[in-house]
């Protein structure tokens, strides 16, 4: 617990600390504590454009026309996976170019010297591709099940054998011949 003297010093220092003043500085400082993308307000990083992401999103929604929340989640998963795969391709290129220019060596040497980095990147690519294909299979399964189901509600199943209801005076119609002559197992129970 701070002392009164420390608290007073903190207040005096806070007056001098105004934080970033420009929009660019505010945008940069908003990412200071970001450790993972789970809390990110934007899916974009430097070098990516909102236009490209919007076009990709529109293409997927135009192709799959998600209707239910589950379908929308699966389409969003497909978009996220493709966006990550595009990013990973750029990372691969940048890693290779960076090592190549810094050390001025052959491509084989770039790979062997950075094998662990490329292996980690490849695991991320493989995992993202599996996730993509899993979501795609599930979306296709859901949408094919919707097509197989009729659009209209099925008619309620009514029994052909109706019992009399003395309270309302209902008298059932006579049983059809195939039910009258049926075996005892199919005959209605007499009450």
Protein backbone atom coordinates (compact mmCIF):
# COMPACT_ATOMS: atom_id res chain seq x y z
CA UNK A 1 0.00 0.00 0.00
CA UNK A 2 1.51 3.35 -1.00
CA UNK A 3 2.28 5.96 1.59
CA UNK A 4 0.68 9.42 1.56
CA UNK A 5 3.93 10.85 0.19
CA UNK A 6 3.96 8.29 -2.69
CA UNK A 7 0.32 8.94 -3.51
CA UNK A 8 0.97 12.69 -3.67
CA UNK A 9 3.98 12.12 -5.94
CA UNK A 10 1.88 9.90 -8.23
CA UNK A 11 -0.79 12.61 -8.51
CA UNK A 12 1.84 15.25 -9.37
CA UNK A 13 3.38 12.98 -12.03
CA UNK A 14 -0.03 12.14 -13.51
CA UNK A 15 -0.61 15.84 -14.22
CA UNK A 16 2.49 15.88 -16.47
CA UNK A 17 1.60 12.61 -18.22
CA UNK A 18 -1.03 13.42 -20.80
CA UNK A 19 -0.56 10.40 -23.03
CA UNK A 20 -0.65 10.47 -26.81
CA UNK A 21 -2.12 13.58 -28.40
CA UNK A 22 -2.37 12.71 -32.11
CA UNK A 23 -4.77 10.18 -33.63
CA UNK A 24 -1.80 8.15 -34.85
CA UNK A 25 -0.26 8.10 -31.36
CA UNK A 26 -3.57 7.14 -29.79
CA UNK A 27 -4.01 4.29 -32.28
CA UNK A 28 -0.49 3.06 -31.62
CA UNK A 29 -0.81 3.24 -27.84
CA UNK A 30 -4.15 1.42 -27.93
CA UNK A 31 -2.19 -1.68 -28.97
CA UNK A 32 0.42 -1.40 -26.18
CA UNK A 33 -1.03 -4.04 -23.88
CA UNK A 34 -2.20 -6.36 -26.64
CA UNK A 35 -0.60 -9.76 -26.10
CA UNK A 36 -2.94 -11.87 -28.27
CA UNK A 37 -5.56 -11.11 -30.87
CA UNK A 38 -8.40 -12.31 -28.66
CA UNK A 39 -9.15 -8.80 -27.41
CA UNK A 40 -8.37 -7.00 -30.64
CA UNK A 41 -10.93 -4.51 -31.85
CA UNK A 42 -9.61 -4.87 -35.37
CA UNK A 43 -8.69 -7.94 -37.38
CA UNK A 44 -6.26 -5.87 -39.40
CA UNK A 45 -2.57 -5.39 -38.89
CA UNK A 46 -0.17 -3.08 -40.66
CA UNK A 47 -0.19 -3.75 -44.41
CA UNK A 48 -3.74 -5.12 -44.51
CA UNK A 49 -6.71 -3.12 -45.76
CA UNK A 50 -10.29 -3.02 -44.59
CA UNK A 51 -11.36 -3.07 -48.25
CA UNK A 52 -9.70 -6.45 -48.87
CA UNK A 53 -11.28 -7.93 -45.73
CA UNK A 54 -14.70 -6.52 -46.65
CA UNK A 55 -14.45 -7.96 -50.16
CA UNK A 56 -13.48 -11.37 -48.79
CA UNK A 57 -16.38 -11.26 -46.32
CA UNK A 58 -18.84 -10.31 -49.07
CA UNK A 59 -17.60 -13.13 -51.30
CA UNK A 60 -18.14 -15.75 -48.60
CA UNK A 61 -21.56 -14.41 -47.61
CA UNK A 62 -22.60 -14.30 -51.29
CA UNK A 63 -21.49 -17.90 -51.81
CA UNK A 64 -22.95 -19.50 -48.68
CA UNK A 65 -25.92 -17.24 -47.75
CA UNK A 66 -25.87 -18.13 -44.04
CA UNK A 67 -29.28 -18.02 -42.41
CA UNK A 68 -28.87 -19.33 -38.88
CA UNK A 69 -26.44 -18.06 -36.23
CA UNK A 70 -24.50 -21.33 -36.49
CA UNK A 71 -24.11 -20.92 -40.25
CA UNK A 72 -22.97 -17.31 -39.77
CA UNK A 73 -20.39 -18.46 -37.22
CA UNK A 74 -19.10 -21.11 -39.61
CA UNK A 75 -18.88 -18.62 -42.49
CA UNK A 76 -17.06 -16.18 -40.19
CA UNK A 77 -14.67 -19.01 -39.27
CA UNK A 78 -13.97 -19.63 -42.96
CA UNK A 79 -13.27 -15.93 -43.46
CA UNK A 80 -10.97 -15.77 -40.43
CA UNK A 81 -9.07 -18.85 -41.56
CA UNK A 82 -8.57 -17.58 -45.09
CA UNK A 83 -7.49 -14.19 -43.76
CA UNK A 84 -4.93 -15.90 -41.50
CA UNK A 85 -3.67 -18.07 -44.36
CA UNK A 86 -3.14 -14.95 -46.48
CA UNK A 87 -1.25 -13.39 -43.58
CA UNK A 88 0.86 -16.53 -43.10
CA UNK A 89 1.84 -16.47 -46.78
CA UNK A 90 3.02 -12.90 -46.35
CA UNK A 91 4.92 -13.87 -43.18
CA UNK A 92 6.65 -16.70 -45.03
CA UNK A 93 7.71 -14.34 -47.79
CA UNK A 94 8.91 -11.69 -45.35
CA UNK A 95 10.89 -14.21 -43.29
CA UNK A 96 12.61 -15.52 -46.38
CA UNK A 97 13.32 -12.08 -47.81
CA UNK A 98 14.56 -10.74 -44.51
CA UNK A 99 17.02 -13.59 -43.96
CA UNK A 100 18.12 -13.51 -47.57
CA UNK A 101 18.91 -9.80 -47.62
CA UNK A 102 20.48 -9.65 -44.18
CA UNK A 103 22.83 -12.57 -44.71
CA UNK A 104 23.09 -12.58 -48.53
CA UNK A 105 22.98 -16.38 -48.66
CA UNK A 106 21.24 -19.08 -50.69
CA UNK A 107 17.61 -20.01 -50.18
CA UNK A 108 18.62 -23.42 -48.81
CA UNK A 109 20.81 -21.75 -46.23
CA UNK A 110 17.95 -19.39 -45.31
CA UNK A 111 15.73 -22.38 -44.68
CA UNK A 112 18.25 -24.44 -42.69
CA UNK A 113 19.28 -21.49 -40.53
CA UNK A 114 15.64 -20.64 -39.78
CA UNK A 115 14.18 -24.14 -39.80
CA UNK A 116 12.48 -23.79 -36.39
CA UNK A 117 10.78 -20.54 -37.40
CA UNK A 118 9.53 -22.01 -40.67
CA UNK A 119 8.38 -25.20 -38.87
CA UNK A 120 6.33 -23.16 -36.38
CA UNK A 121 4.83 -21.16 -39.22
CA UNK A 122 3.98 -24.36 -41.11
CA UNK A 123 2.27 -25.80 -38.02
CA UNK A 124 0.12 -22.67 -37.81
CA UNK A 125 -0.71 -22.96 -41.52
CA UNK A 126 -1.60 -26.65 -41.20
CA UNK A 127 -3.75 -26.02 -38.12
CA UNK A 128 -5.58 -23.15 -39.81
CA UNK A 129 -6.20 -25.23 -42.94
CA UNK A 130 -7.63 -28.09 -40.83
CA UNK A 131 -9.86 -25.63 -39.01
CA UNK A 132 -10.99 -24.17 -42.36
CA UNK A 133 -11.86 -27.55 -43.84
CA UNK A 134 -13.63 -28.67 -40.67
CA UNK A 135 -15.81 -25.55 -40.68
CA UNK A 136 -16.46 -25.94 -44.41
CA UNK A 137 -17.58 -29.57 -44.00
CA UNK A 138 -19.88 -28.66 -41.11
CA UNK A 139 -21.39 -25.73 -43.04
CA UNK A 140 -21.98 -27.90 -46.10
CA UNK A 141 -23.54 -30.61 -43.91
CA UNK A 142 -25.90 -28.11 -42.28
CA UNK A 143 -26.89 -26.52 -45.57
CA UNK A 144 -27.45 -29.86 -47.32
CA UNK A 145 -29.62 -30.99 -44.38
CA UNK A 146 -31.73 -27.84 -44.78
CA UNK A 147 -32.22 -28.57 -48.47
CA UNK A 148 -33.26 -32.15 -47.72
CA UNK A 149 -35.89 -31.02 -45.23
CA UNK A 150 -39.18 -29.79 -46.66
CA UNK A 151 -39.84 -26.08 -46.31
CA UNK A 152 -43.32 -26.54 -44.92
CA UNK A 153 -44.21 -27.99 -41.58
CA UNK A 154 -45.26 -31.63 -41.82
CA UNK A 155 -48.94 -32.23 -41.30
CA UNK A 156 -49.79 -33.46 -37.82
CA UNK A 157 -50.21 -37.18 -37.59
CA UNK A 158 -53.79 -38.04 -36.77
CA UNK A 159 -55.03 -41.39 -35.75
CA UNK A 160 -57.49 -43.09 -38.04
CA UNK A 161 -59.20 -44.63 -35.04
CA UNK A 162 -61.16 -42.15 -33.04
CA UNK A 163 -62.81 -42.89 -29.75
CA UNK A 164 -66.23 -41.56 -28.89
CA UNK A 165 -66.46 -38.65 -26.53
CA UNK A 166 -69.78 -38.66 -24.73
CA UNK A 167 -69.22 -35.15 -23.35
CA UNK A 168 -69.49 -33.49 -26.74
CA UNK A 169 -71.68 -36.07 -28.44
CA UNK A 170 -69.02 -37.08 -30.94
CA UNK A 171 -69.70 -40.33 -32.73
CA UNK A 172 -66.75 -41.57 -34.78
CA UNK A 173 -67.27 -42.72 -38.35
CA UNK A 174 -67.28 -46.46 -38.93
CA UNK A 175 -63.88 -48.11 -39.22
CA UNK A 176 -62.58 -48.87 -42.70
CA UNK A 177 -62.80 -52.51 -43.77
CA UNK A 178 -59.04 -53.11 -43.58
CA UNK A 179 -59.07 -52.11 -39.91
CA UNK A 180 -62.25 -54.02 -39.03
CA UNK A 181 -60.92 -57.27 -40.42
CA UNK A 182 -57.39 -56.82 -39.08
CA UNK A 183 -55.74 -59.09 -36.55
CA UNK A 184 -56.41 -58.53 -32.82
CA UNK A 185 -53.05 -56.78 -32.39
CA UNK A 186 -54.17 -53.99 -34.71
CA UNK A 187 -57.73 -53.80 -33.38
CA UNK A 188 -58.50 -50.89 -31.09
CA UNK A 189 -58.78 -51.69 -27.43
CA UNK A 190 -62.32 -51.80 -26.09
CA UNK A 191 -62.81 -49.81 -22.96
